[in-house]
């Protein structure tokens, strides 16, 4: 005979494991994107690089690149020259 209480518990465990795996993958993806941004900026550090070029070269949506760069600037890992809008 089927025990629905046990099945429900097993499904909850399965769901929680899937959710945890997804969160881990999303975290790794964010780290990889951030590293790619930092490498791109390091290559262009002598003269700086604008947001659209960074996003295009790395293959990220501009909004995603901007969000990551905003945190990097806030944390002091990247600088932004506001007049020409170049990251270095």
C-alpha atoms as a PDB file:
ATOM      1  CA  UNK A   1       0.000   0.000   0.000  1.00  0.00           C
ATOM      2  CA  UNK A   2       1.248   3.497  -0.829  1.00  0.00           C
ATOM      3  CA  UNK A   3       2.210   5.706   2.067  1.00  0.00           C
ATOM      4  CA  UNK A   4       1.522   9.237   0.852  1.00  0.00           C
ATOM      5  CA  UNK A   5       3.132  10.823   3.894  1.00  0.00           C
ATOM      6  CA  UNK A   6       6.457   9.129   3.096  1.00  0.00           C
ATOM      7  CA  UNK A   7       6.106   9.991  -0.609  1.00  0.00           C
ATOM      8  CA  UNK A   8       5.484  13.621   0.254  1.00  0.00           C
ATOM      9  CA  UNK A   9       8.560  13.700   2.473  1.00  0.00           C
ATOM     10  CA  UNK A  10      10.668  12.082  -0.277  1.00  0.00           C
ATOM     11  CA  UNK A  11       9.398  14.629  -2.812  1.00  0.00           C
ATOM     12  CA  UNK A  12      10.267  17.502  -0.455  1.00  0.00           C
ATOM     13  CA  UNK A  13      13.811  16.162  -0.043  1.00  0.00           C
ATOM     14  CA  UNK A  14      14.127  15.758  -3.829  1.00  0.00           C
ATOM     15  CA  UNK A  15      12.800  19.287  -4.429  1.00  0.00           C
ATOM     16  CA  UNK A  16      15.167  20.786  -1.827  1.00  0.00           C
ATOM     17  CA  UNK A  17      18.147  19.013  -3.428  1.00  0.00           C
ATOM     18  CA  UNK A  18      17.189  20.329  -6.887  1.00  0.00           C
ATOM     19  CA  UNK A  19      16.787  23.833  -5.500  1.00  0.00           C
ATOM     20  CA  UNK A  20      20.155  23.627  -3.768  1.00  0.00           C
ATOM     21  CA  UNK A  21      21.875  22.411  -6.978  1.00  0.00           C
ATOM     22  CA  UNK A  22      20.312  25.274  -8.934  1.00  0.00           C
ATOM     23  CA  UNK A  23      21.480  27.837  -6.372  1.00  0.00           C
ATOM     24  CA  UNK A  24      25.019  26.427  -6.480  1.00  0.00           C
ATOM     25  CA  UNK A  25      25.085  26.603 -10.285  1.00  0.00           C
ATOM     26  CA  UNK A  26      23.765  30.179 -10.253  1.00  0.00           C
ATOM     27  CA  UNK A  27      26.445  31.143  -7.723  1.00  0.00           C
ATOM     28  CA  UNK A  28      29.202  29.606  -9.824  1.00  0.00           C
ATOM     29  CA  UNK A  29      27.873  31.356 -12.930  1.00  0.00           C
ATOM     30  CA  UNK A  30      27.971  34.722 -11.148  1.00  0.00           C
ATOM     31  CA  UNK A  31      31.555  34.144 -10.064  1.00  0.00           C
ATOM     32  CA  UNK A  32      32.621  33.143 -13.579  1.00  0.00           C
ATOM     33  CA  UNK A  33      30.946  36.228 -15.045  1.00  0.00           C
ATOM     34  CA  UNK A  34      32.657  38.464 -12.502  1.00  0.00           C
ATOM     35  CA  UNK A  35      36.054  36.923 -13.258  1.00  0.00           C
ATOM     36  CA  UNK A  36      35.482  37.417 -16.994  1.00  0.00           C
ATOM     37  CA  UNK A  37      34.641  41.085 -16.374  1.00  0.00           C
ATOM     38  CA  UNK A  38      37.751  41.597 -14.259  1.00  0.00           C
ATOM     39  CA  UNK A  39      39.954  39.965 -16.888  1.00  0.00           C
ATOM     40  CA  UNK A  40      38.480  42.142 -19.632  1.00  0.00           C
ATOM     41  CA  UNK A  41      39.044  45.299 -17.603  1.00  0.00           C
ATOM     42  CA  UNK A  42      42.598  44.222 -16.758  1.00  0.00           C
ATOM     43  CA  UNK A  43      43.391  43.826 -20.463  1.00  0.00           C
ATOM     44  CA  UNK A  44      42.186  47.373 -21.148  1.00  0.00           C
ATOM     45  CA  UNK A  45      43.479  48.914 -17.925  1.00  0.00           C
ATOM     46  CA  UNK A  46      45.810  51.442 -19.610  1.00  0.00           C
ATOM     47  CA  UNK A  47      42.980  53.351 -21.263  1.00  0.00           C
ATOM     48  CA  UNK A  48      39.779  51.921 -19.751  1.00  0.00           C
ATOM     49  CA  UNK A  49      36.825  50.274 -21.447  1.00  0.00           C
ATOM     50  CA  UNK A  50      33.152  51.170 -21.720  1.00  0.00           C
ATOM     51  CA  UNK A  51      30.214  49.083 -20.575  1.00  0.00           C
ATOM     52  CA  UNK A  52      28.901  48.117 -24.002  1.00  0.00           C
ATOM     53  CA  UNK A  53      32.297  46.826 -25.140  1.00  0.00           C
ATOM     54  CA  UNK A  54      32.743  44.796 -21.947  1.00  0.00           C
ATOM     55  CA  UNK A  55      29.287  43.236 -22.296  1.00  0.00           C
ATOM     56  CA  UNK A  56      29.732  42.528 -26.015  1.00  0.00           C
ATOM     57  CA  UNK A  57      33.193  40.936 -25.658  1.00  0.00           C
ATOM     58  CA  UNK A  58      32.117  38.722 -22.775  1.00  0.00           C
ATOM     59  CA  UNK A  59      28.705  37.909 -24.209  1.00  0.00           C
ATOM     60  CA  UNK A  60      26.615  39.262 -21.355  1.00  0.00           C
ATOM     61  CA  UNK A  61      23.514  41.405 -21.464  1.00  0.00           C
ATOM     62  CA  UNK A  62      24.482  45.013 -20.773  1.00  0.00           C
ATOM     63  CA  UNK A  63      22.230  45.139 -17.719  1.00  0.00           C
ATOM     64  CA  UNK A  64      23.953  42.100 -16.188  1.00  0.00           C
ATOM     65  CA  UNK A  65      27.414  43.530 -16.835  1.00  0.00           C
ATOM     66  CA  UNK A  66      26.337  46.862 -15.351  1.00  0.00           C
ATOM     67  CA  UNK A  67      24.964  45.227 -12.208  1.00  0.00           C
ATOM     68  CA  UNK A  68      28.191  43.292 -11.611  1.00  0.00           C
ATOM     69  CA  UNK A  69      30.362  46.324 -12.391  1.00  0.00           C
ATOM     70  CA  UNK A  70      28.371  48.496  -9.986  1.00  0.00           C
ATOM     71  CA  UNK A  71      29.234  46.114  -7.147  1.00  0.00           C
ATOM     72  CA  UNK A  72      32.894  45.928  -8.209  1.00  0.00           C
ATOM     73  CA  UNK A  73      33.100  49.734  -8.250  1.00  0.00           C
ATOM     74  CA  UNK A  74      31.329  49.959  -4.887  1.00  0.00           C
ATOM     75  CA  UNK A  75      33.815  47.471  -3.407  1.00  0.00           C
ATOM     76  CA  UNK A  76      36.791  49.352  -4.849  1.00  0.00           C
ATOM     77  CA  UNK A  77      37.938  46.565  -7.179  1.00  0.00           C
ATOM     78  CA  UNK A  78      37.191  48.554 -10.340  1.00  0.00           C
ATOM     79  CA  UNK A  79      37.213  52.291 -10.975  1.00  0.00           C
ATOM     80  CA  UNK A  80      34.798  54.231 -13.143  1.00  0.00           C
ATOM     81  CA  UNK A  81      35.818  57.496 -14.763  1.00  0.00           C
ATOM     82  CA  UNK A  82      32.419  59.223 -14.915  1.00  0.00           C
ATOM     83  CA  UNK A  83      33.152  61.702 -17.711  1.00  0.00           C
ATOM     84  CA  UNK A  84      34.033  59.251 -20.505  1.00  0.00           C
ATOM     85  CA  UNK A  85      32.252  56.401 -18.599  1.00  0.00           C
ATOM     86  CA  UNK A  86      35.262  54.080 -18.783  1.00  0.00           C
ATOM     87  CA  UNK A  87      35.965  51.262 -16.358  1.00  0.00           C
ATOM     88  CA  UNK A  88      39.530  50.512 -15.331  1.00  0.00           C
END
